Amino acid sequence: MIKIFPDLNKLNQIAAEKFITIGNRAIEQNGRFAVALAGGSTPKLLYRLLTTTQFKNKIDWTKVFFFLGDERNVSPENQESNFRTANENLFKPLQIPAENIFRWQTELTNAEKIAENYAQTIKNFFDLTENEFPRFDLILLGMGDDGHTASLFPFTTALSETEKIAVSNRVEKLDTTRLTFTFPTINNSLNIIFLIGGASKAETLQQVLEGEFQPEKFPSQAVKPRSGNLFWLVDEQAAQLLK
């Protein structure tokens, strides 16, 4: 489902409403809400909105469990850290208990080990057997100007991973190694919400949604939930080239 909004404020208003609705349904059915957050500037606005009086009392935050769909291999205090963004804009303002927050242990610095540990943490939380993938209630995603999502960048090895929950992913064009959920993990989610804003995304978004299927070039095209809901929440600037 693609929904287009006049601006980011309206987009995030709807995203916050969906977050609360999906979360309360999960708590009602399973006693908890497992959500994986996205990094970037657009989700930051959503996190701040969830801490306002309009939303903060609409869900039992003690039953919400937070993960991060991807991370930069930097310390949790680093400005670039997705955890830091979520911590400053969501966890701290809402006083989320530490035991409800599952972050990548980037202080270990060894990216492969960090990814292995995170996958094990997820297996333990969801009580998974061998070869099973987690069933998140919600995964939030953004999309880069190049069509990447999470830290699944064009023409990188993680795009073809089919067995692991989480991996380290070498991104040559950025001269860095990122940490990310894999597509099998993302596509097993009950709900996936893309949050996309800005004119710089317009050309790529048009290719992703209406162009030829080239997931190696535009990884966001590979987000196709196996038996869940996929929502594209897009502002008018990003949607300007869509037919």
C-alpha atoms as a PDB file:
ATOM      1  CA  MET A   1       0.000   0.000   0.000  1.00  0.00           C
ATOM      2  CA  ILE A   2       1.379   3.415  -1.014  1.00  0.00           C
ATOM      3  CA  LYS A   3       0.135   6.528   0.787  1.00  0.00           C
ATOM      4  CA  ILE A   4       1.260  10.018  -0.192  1.00  0.00           C
ATOM      5  CA  PHE A   5       1.221  12.943   2.250  1.00  0.00           C
ATOM      6  CA  PRO A   6       1.643  16.700   1.729  1.00  0.00           C
ATOM      7  CA  ASP A   7       4.612  16.879   4.109  1.00  0.00           C
ATOM      8  CA  LEU A   8       6.702  14.968   6.661  1.00  0.00           C
ATOM      9  CA  ASN A   9       4.585  16.156   9.586  1.00  0.00           C
ATOM     10  CA  LYS A  10       1.451  14.540   8.188  1.00  0.00           C
ATOM     11  CA  LEU A  11       3.429  11.440   7.144  1.00  0.00           C
ATOM     12  CA  ASN A  12       4.779  10.957  10.659  1.00  0.00           C
ATOM     13  CA  GLN A  13       1.377  11.616  12.210  1.00  0.00           C
ATOM     14  CA  ILE A  14      -0.022   8.636  10.295  1.00  0.00           C
ATOM     15  CA  ALA A  15       3.108   6.579  10.999  1.00  0.00           C
ATOM     16  CA  ALA A  16       2.689   7.201  14.737  1.00  0.00           C
ATOM     17  CA  GLU A  17      -0.977   6.170  14.574  1.00  0.00           C
ATOM     18  CA  LYS A  18      -0.014   2.964  12.745  1.00  0.00           C
ATOM     19  CA  PHE A  19       2.755   2.280  15.289  1.00  0.00           C
ATOM     20  CA  ILE A  20       0.265   2.543  18.174  1.00  0.00           C
ATOM     21  CA  THR A  21      -2.430   0.491  16.401  1.00  0.00           C
ATOM     22  CA  ILE A  22      -0.034  -2.323  15.422  1.00  0.00           C
ATOM     23  CA  GLY A  23       1.563  -2.247  18.865  1.00  0.00           C
ATOM     24  CA  ASN A  24      -1.681  -2.491  20.823  1.00  0.00           C
ATOM     25  CA  ARG A  25      -2.889  -5.320  18.594  1.00  0.00           C
ATOM     26  CA  ALA A  26       0.347  -7.236  19.216  1.00  0.00           C
ATOM     27  CA  ILE A  27       0.124  -6.682  22.990  1.00  0.00           C
ATOM     28  CA  GLU A  28      -3.496  -7.818  22.988  1.00  0.00           C
ATOM     29  CA  GLN A  29      -2.641 -10.988  21.052  1.00  0.00           C
ATOM     30  CA  ASN A  30       0.807 -11.891  22.424  1.00  0.00           C
ATOM     31  CA  GLY A  31       1.357  -9.788  25.522  1.00  0.00           C
ATOM     32  CA  ARG A  32       4.195  -7.853  23.865  1.00  0.00           C
ATOM     33  CA  PHE A  33       5.112  -5.710  20.855  1.00  0.00           C
ATOM     34  CA  ALA A  34       8.440  -6.439  19.131  1.00  0.00           C
ATOM     35  CA  VAL A  35       9.540  -3.617  16.835  1.00  0.00           C
ATOM     36  CA  ALA A  36      12.728  -2.960  14.867  1.00  0.00           C
ATOM     37  CA  LEU A  37      13.565   0.705  14.393  1.00  0.00           C
ATOM     38  CA  ALA A  38      15.222   2.486  11.473  1.00  0.00           C
ATOM     39  CA  GLY A  39      17.979   5.082  11.527  1.00  0.00           C
ATOM     40  CA  GLY A  40      18.014   8.362   9.631  1.00  0.00           C
ATOM     41  CA  SER A  41      16.320  11.740   9.895  1.00  0.00           C
ATOM     42  CA  THR A  42      12.739  10.821   8.925  1.00  0.00           C
ATOM     43  CA  PRO A  43      12.286   8.215  11.700  1.00  0.00           C
ATOM     44  CA  LYS A  44      13.753  10.689  14.212  1.00  0.00           C
ATOM     45  CA  LEU A  45      10.678  12.890  13.700  1.00  0.00           C
ATOM     46  CA  LEU A  46       8.457   9.861  14.323  1.00  0.00           C
ATOM     47  CA  TYR A  47      10.304   8.981  17.544  1.00  0.00           C
ATOM     48  CA  ARG A  48       9.883  12.506  18.870  1.00  0.00           C
ATOM     49  CA  LEU A  49       6.196  12.478  17.978  1.00  0.00           C
ATOM     50  CA  LEU A  50       5.644   9.227  19.913  1.00  0.00           C
ATOM     51  CA  THR A  51       6.919  10.931  23.080  1.00  0.00           C
ATOM     52  CA  THR A  52       4.351  13.750  22.905  1.00  0.00           C
ATOM     53  CA  THR A  53       1.165  13.878  24.976  1.00  0.00           C
ATOM     54  CA  GLN A  54      -0.814  12.909  21.867  1.00  0.00           C
ATOM     55  CA  PHE A  55       0.729   9.417  21.752  1.00  0.00           C
ATOM     56  CA  LYS A  56       2.792   8.513  24.801  1.00  0.00           C
ATOM     57  CA  ASN A  57      -0.158   7.333  26.910  1.00  0.00           C
ATOM     58  CA  LYS A  58      -1.803   5.295  24.132  1.00  0.00           C
ATOM     59  CA  ILE A  59       0.307   2.160  24.607  1.00  0.00           C
ATOM     60  CA  ASP A  60       1.881   0.257  27.508  1.00  0.00           C
ATOM     61  CA  TRP A  61       5.570   0.966  26.870  1.00  0.00           C
ATOM     62  CA  THR A  62       6.656  -1.679  29.388  1.00  0.00           C
ATOM     63  CA  LYS A  63       5.404  -4.254  26.876  1.00  0.00           C
ATOM     64  CA  VAL A  64       7.222  -2.760  23.868  1.00  0.00           C
ATOM     65  CA  PHE A  65      10.571  -4.366  22.972  1.00  0.00           C
ATOM     66  CA  PHE A  66      12.922  -2.431  20.715  1.00  0.00           C
ATOM     67  CA  PHE A  67      15.498  -3.698  18.233  1.00  0.00           C
ATOM     68  CA  LEU A  68      17.434  -1.877  15.495  1.00  0.00           C
ATOM     69  CA  GLY A  69      17.211  -3.115  11.910  1.00  0.00           C
ATOM     70  CA  ASP A  70      20.702  -1.872  11.152  1.00  0.00           C
ATOM     71  CA  GLU A  71      23.593  -0.042  12.739  1.00  0.00           C
ATOM     72  CA  ARG A  72      26.854   1.692  11.965  1.00  0.00           C
ATOM     73  CA  ASN A  73      29.907   0.064  13.518  1.00  0.00           C
ATOM     74  CA  VAL A  74      30.572   2.970  15.895  1.00  0.00           C
ATOM     75  CA  SER A  75      30.289   3.351  19.666  1.00  0.00           C
ATOM     76  CA  PRO A  76      26.758   3.783  21.095  1.00  0.00           C
ATOM     77  CA  GLU A  77      27.685   7.374  22.038  1.00  0.00           C
ATOM     78  CA  ASN A  78      28.813   8.309  18.517  1.00  0.00           C
ATOM     79  CA  GLN A  79      26.759  10.912  16.619  1.00  0.00           C
ATOM     80  CA  GLU A  80      26.408   8.408  13.746  1.00  0.00           C
ATOM     81  CA  SER A  81      24.917   5.681  15.953  1.00  0.00           C
ATOM     82  CA  ASN A  82      21.326   4.676  15.176  1.00  0.00           C
ATOM     83  CA  PHE A  83      21.024   3.555  18.781  1.00  0.00           C
ATOM     84  CA  ARG A  84      22.016   6.999  20.016  1.00  0.00           C
ATOM     85  CA  THR A  85      19.356   8.620  17.816  1.00  0.00           C
ATOM     86  CA  ALA A  86      16.654   6.283  19.153  1.00  0.00           C
ATOM     87  CA  ASN A  87      17.937   6.609  22.713  1.00  0.00           C
ATOM     88  CA  GLU A  88      17.922  10.411  22.743  1.00  0.00           C
ATOM     89  CA  ASN A  89      14.639  10.873  20.871  1.00  0.00           C
ATOM     90  CA  LEU A  90      12.566   7.920  22.116  1.00  0.00           C
ATOM     91  CA  PHE A  91      13.990   5.675  24.853  1.00  0.00           C
ATOM     92  CA  LYS A  92      15.122   8.349  27.313  1.00  0.00           C
ATOM     93  CA  PRO A  93      12.079  10.645  26.977  1.00  0.00           C
ATOM     94  CA  LEU A  94       9.740   7.661  27.518  1.00  0.00           C
ATOM     95  CA  GLN A  95      11.980   6.107  30.206  1.00  0.00           C
ATOM     96  CA  ILE A  96      11.986   2.752  28.413  1.00  0.00           C
ATOM     97  CA  PRO A  97      13.447   0.059  30.723  1.00  0.00           C
ATOM     98  CA  ALA A  98      16.933  -1.109  29.690  1.00  0.00           C
ATOM     99  CA  GLU A  99      15.721  -4.719  29.496  1.00  0.00           C
ATOM    100  CA  ASN A 100      13.286  -3.692  26.716  1.00  0.00           C
ATOM    101  CA  ILE A 101      16.063  -2.365  24.458  1.00  0.00           C
ATOM    102  CA  PHE A 102      18.228  -4.666  22.349  1.00  0.00           C
ATOM    103  CA  ARG A 103      21.085  -2.893  20.585  1.00  0.00           C
ATOM    104  CA  TRP A 104      24.013  -4.083  18.491  1.00  0.00           C
ATOM    105  CA  GLN A 105      27.051  -4.420  20.793  1.00  0.00           C
ATOM    106  CA  THR A 106      29.230  -2.126  18.679  1.00  0.00           C
ATOM    107  CA  GLU A 107      31.726  -1.669  21.504  1.00  0.00           C
ATOM    108  CA  LEU A 108      33.077  -5.101  20.446  1.00  0.00           C
ATOM    109  CA  THR A 109      34.275  -3.452  17.164  1.00  0.00           C
ATOM    110  CA  ASN A 110      34.546  -6.846  15.351  1.00  0.00           C
ATOM    111  CA  ALA A 111      31.607  -6.505  12.936  1.00  0.00           C
ATOM    112  CA  GLU A 112      31.192 -10.222  12.276  1.00  0.00           C
ATOM    113  CA  LYS A 113      31.080 -11.011  15.999  1.00  0.00           C
ATOM    114  CA  ILE A 114      28.640  -8.156  16.634  1.00  0.00           C
ATOM    115  CA  ALA A 115      26.288  -9.533  13.958  1.00  0.00           C
ATOM    116  CA  GLU A 116      26.563 -13.092  15.313  1.00  0.00           C
ATOM    117  CA  ASN A 117      25.782 -11.891  18.837  1.00  0.00           C
ATOM    118  CA  TYR A 118      22.796  -9.863  17.662  1.00  0.00           C
ATOM    119  CA  ALA A 119      21.392 -12.807  15.739  1.00  0.00           C
ATOM    120  CA  GLN A 120      21.736 -14.940  18.883  1.00  0.00           C
ATOM    121  CA  THR A 121      20.019 -12.281  20.986  1.00  0.00           C
ATOM    122  CA  ILE A 122      17.100 -12.306  18.537  1.00  0.00           C
ATOM    123  CA  LYS A 123      16.970 -16.118  18.538  1.00  0.00           C
ATOM    124  CA  ASN A 124      16.805 -16.100  22.340  1.00  0.00           C
ATOM    125  CA  PHE A 125      14.119 -13.418  22.471  1.00  0.00           C
ATOM    126  CA  PHE A 126      11.868 -15.161  19.939  1.00  0.00           C
ATOM    127  CA  ASP A 127      12.778 -18.653  21.200  1.00  0.00           C
ATOM    128  CA  LEU A 128      13.729 -19.768  17.690  1.00  0.00           C
ATOM    129  CA  THR A 129      14.831 -23.200  16.605  1.00  0.00           C
ATOM    130  CA  GLU A 130      17.602 -23.765  14.054  1.00  0.00           C
ATOM    131  CA  ASN A 131      16.909 -22.147  10.642  1.00  0.00           C
ATOM    132  CA  GLU A 132      13.910 -20.190  11.931  1.00  0.00           C
ATOM    133  CA  PHE A 133      13.540 -16.453  11.355  1.00  0.00           C
ATOM    134  CA  PRO A 134      12.003 -14.005  13.841  1.00  0.00           C
ATOM    135  CA  ARG A 135       8.489 -12.683  13.365  1.00  0.00           C
ATOM    136  CA  PHE A 136       8.663  -9.012  14.271  1.00  0.00           C
ATOM    137  CA  ASP A 137       5.340  -7.253  14.740  1.00  0.00           C
ATOM    138  CA  LEU A 138       6.730  -4.211  12.957  1.00  0.00           C
ATOM    139  CA  ILE A 139       9.913  -3.263  11.117  1.00  0.00           C
ATOM    140  CA  LEU A 140      10.440   0.395  10.224  1.00  0.00           C
ATOM    141  CA  LEU A 141      12.564   1.128   7.165  1.00  0.00           C
ATOM    142  CA  GLY A 142      13.943   4.120   5.330  1.00  0.00           C
ATOM    143  CA  MET A 143      15.337   4.297   1.817  1.00  0.00           C
ATOM    144  CA  GLY A 144      18.540   6.013   0.702  1.00  0.00           C
ATOM    145  CA  ASP A 145      18.961   8.055  -2.461  1.00  0.00           C
ATOM    146  CA  ASP A 146      20.659   4.974  -3.959  1.00  0.00           C
ATOM    147  CA  GLY A 147      17.747   2.660  -3.120  1.00  0.00           C
ATOM    148  CA  HIS A 148      19.375   0.958  -0.129  1.00  0.00           C
ATOM    149  CA  THR A 149      17.322   0.054   2.921  1.00  0.00           C
ATOM    150  CA  ALA A 150      18.525  -0.876   6.405  1.00  0.00           C
ATOM    151  CA  SER A 151      22.252  -1.353   5.578  1.00  0.00           C
ATOM    152  CA  LEU A 152      21.523  -3.438   2.495  1.00  0.00           C
ATOM    153  CA  PHE A 153      23.386  -1.381  -0.091  1.00  0.00           C
ATOM    154  CA  PRO A 154      23.449  -1.922  -3.870  1.00  0.00           C
ATOM    155  CA  PHE A 155      25.763  -4.678  -5.082  1.00  0.00           C
ATOM    156  CA  THR A 156      26.868  -5.789  -1.584  1.00  0.00           C
ATOM    157  CA  THR A 157      27.185  -9.382  -0.372  1.00  0.00           C
ATOM    158  CA  ALA A 158      24.416  -9.164   2.240  1.00  0.00           C
ATOM    159  CA  LEU A 159      21.797  -8.868  -0.506  1.00  0.00           C
ATOM    160  CA  SER A 160      22.111 -12.565  -1.297  1.00  0.00           C
ATOM    161  CA  GLU A 161      22.156 -13.840   2.303  1.00  0.00           C
ATOM    162  CA  THR A 162      19.377 -16.411   2.809  1.00  0.00           C
ATOM    163  CA  GLU A 163      20.275 -18.217   6.045  1.00  0.00           C
ATOM    164  CA  LYS A 164      21.378 -15.618   8.602  1.00  0.00           C
ATOM    165  CA  ILE A 165      19.192 -13.271  10.639  1.00  0.00           C
ATOM    166  CA  ALA A 166      21.770 -10.494  10.806  1.00  0.00           C
ATOM    167  CA  VAL A 167      25.131  -9.913   9.122  1.00  0.00           C
ATOM    168  CA  SER A 168      28.010  -7.496   8.783  1.00  0.00           C
ATOM    169  CA  ASN A 169      28.041  -5.936   5.327  1.00  0.00           C
ATOM    170  CA  ARG A 170      31.054  -4.347   3.669  1.00  0.00           C
ATOM    171  CA  VAL A 171      30.056  -1.173   1.787  1.00  0.00           C
ATOM    172  CA  GLU A 172      32.977  -0.263  -0.452  1.00  0.00           C
ATOM    173  CA  LYS A 173      31.599   3.039  -1.702  1.00  0.00           C
ATOM    174  CA  LEU A 174      31.429   4.286   1.904  1.00  0.00           C
ATOM    175  CA  ASP A 175      34.667   2.518   2.864  1.00  0.00           C
ATOM    176  CA  THR A 176      32.938   1.039   5.895  1.00  0.00           C
ATOM    177  CA  THR A 177      31.312  -2.097   7.273  1.00  0.00           C
ATOM    178  CA  ARG A 178      27.692  -1.877   8.393  1.00  0.00           C
ATOM    179  CA  LEU A 179      25.506  -4.180  10.487  1.00  0.00           C
ATOM    180  CA  THR A 180      22.103  -5.173   9.181  1.00  0.00           C
ATOM    181  CA  PHE A 181      19.095  -7.453   9.238  1.00  0.00           C
ATOM    182  CA  THR A 182      18.912  -9.649   6.133  1.00  0.00           C
ATOM    183  CA  PHE A 183      16.021  -9.777   3.686  1.00  0.00           C
ATOM    184  CA  PRO A 184      14.659 -13.083   5.099  1.00  0.00           C
ATOM    185  CA  THR A 185      14.411 -11.392   8.513  1.00  0.00           C
ATOM    186  CA  ILE A 186      12.781  -8.252   7.136  1.00  0.00           C
ATOM    187  CA  ASN A 187      10.359 -10.136   4.888  1.00  0.00           C
ATOM    188  CA  ASN A 188       9.188 -12.363   7.739  1.00  0.00           C
ATOM    189  CA  SER A 189       7.789  -9.364   9.624  1.00  0.00           C
ATOM    190  CA  LEU A 190       4.048  -9.024  10.213  1.00  0.00           C
ATOM    191  CA  ASN A 191       4.195  -5.345   9.228  1.00  0.00           C
ATOM    192  CA  ILE A 192       6.777  -3.262   7.385  1.00  0.00           C
ATOM    193  CA  ILE A 193       6.551   0.509   7.108  1.00  0.00           C
ATOM    194  CA  PHE A 194       8.774   2.536   4.786  1.00  0.00           C
ATOM    195  CA  LEU A 195       9.113   6.209   5.763  1.00  0.00           C
ATOM    196  CA  ILE A 196      10.332   8.245   2.774  1.00  0.00           C
ATOM    197  CA  GLY A 197      10.595  12.002   2.415  1.00  0.00           C
ATOM    198  CA  GLY A 198      12.379  14.567   0.276  1.00  0.00           C
ATOM    199  CA  ALA A 199      12.892  15.427  -3.383  1.00  0.00           C
ATOM    200  CA  SER A 200      16.297  13.691  -3.421  1.00  0.00           C
ATOM    201  CA  LYS A 201      14.484  10.336  -3.183  1.00  0.00           C
ATOM    202  CA  ALA A 202      12.048  10.993  -6.060  1.00  0.00           C
ATOM    203  CA  GLU A 203      13.984   9.465  -8.953  1.00  0.00           C
ATOM    204  CA  THR A 204      15.011   6.356  -7.028  1.00  0.00           C
ATOM    205  CA  LEU A 205      11.547   5.844  -5.565  1.00  0.00           C
ATOM    206  CA  GLN A 206      10.064   5.933  -9.055  1.00  0.00           C
ATOM    207  CA  GLN A 207      12.560   3.251 -10.148  1.00  0.00           C
ATOM    208  CA  VAL A 208      11.912   1.132  -7.048  1.00  0.00           C
ATOM    209  CA  LEU A 209       8.118   1.200  -7.313  1.00  0.00           C
ATOM    210  CA  GLU A 210       7.521   1.480 -11.056  1.00  0.00           C
ATOM    211  CA  GLY A 211      10.768   0.513 -12.779  1.00  0.00           C
ATOM    212  CA  GLU A 212      12.285  -2.784 -13.825  1.00  0.00           C
ATOM    213  CA  PHE A 213      12.913  -5.271 -10.987  1.00  0.00           C
ATOM    214  CA  GLN A 214      16.645  -4.889 -10.255  1.00  0.00           C
ATOM    215  CA  PRO A 215      17.090  -5.598  -6.519  1.00  0.00           C
ATOM    216  CA  GLU A 216      20.897  -5.728  -6.804  1.00  0.00           C
ATOM    217  CA  LYS A 217      20.800  -2.118  -8.006  1.00  0.00           C
ATOM    218  CA  PHE A 218      17.775  -1.011  -5.932  1.00  0.00           C
ATOM    219  CA  PRO A 219      17.724  -3.216  -2.800  1.00  0.00           C
ATOM    220  CA  SER A 220      14.468  -1.692  -1.515  1.00  0.00           C
ATOM    221  CA  GLN A 221      12.702  -3.631  -4.294  1.00  0.00           C
ATOM    222  CA  ALA A 222      13.539  -6.870  -2.446  1.00  0.00           C
ATOM    223  CA  VAL A 223      11.330  -5.929   0.502  1.00  0.00           C
ATOM    224  CA  LYS A 224       8.353  -8.195  -0.103  1.00  0.00           C
ATOM    225  CA  PRO A 225       6.798  -9.610   3.082  1.00  0.00           C
ATOM    226  CA  ARG A 226       5.992 -13.314   2.843  1.00  0.00           C
ATOM    227  CA  SER A 227       2.698 -13.015   4.702  1.00  0.00           C
ATOM    228  CA  GLY A 228       2.603  -9.541   6.163  1.00  0.00           C
ATOM    229  CA  ASN A 229       1.599  -5.954   5.369  1.00  0.00           C
ATOM    230  CA  LEU A 230       3.819  -3.506   3.496  1.00  0.00           C
ATOM    231  CA  PHE A 231       3.157   0.224   3.784  1.00  0.00           C
ATOM    232  CA  TRP A 232       4.973   2.922   1.811  1.00  0.00           C
ATOM    233  CA  LEU A 233       4.421   6.270   3.566  1.00  0.00           C
ATOM    234  CA  VAL A 234       5.792   8.924   1.241  1.00  0.00           C
ATOM    235  CA  ASP A 235       5.698  12.712   1.162  1.00  0.00           C
ATOM    236  CA  GLU A 236       4.727  14.629  -1.992  1.00  0.00           C
ATOM    237  CA  GLN A 237       8.323  15.664  -2.740  1.00  0.00           C
ATOM    238  CA  ALA A 238       9.517  12.061  -2.811  1.00  0.00           C
ATOM    239  CA  ALA A 239       6.424  10.970  -4.761  1.00  0.00           C
ATOM    240  CA  GLN A 240       6.562  13.681  -7.438  1.00  0.00           C
ATOM    241  CA  LEU A 241       7.675  11.333 -10.265  1.00  0.00           C
ATOM    242  CA  LEU A 242       5.277   8.478  -9.502  1.00  0.00           C
ATOM    243  CA  LYS A 243       2.667   7.784 -12.159  1.00  0.00           C
END
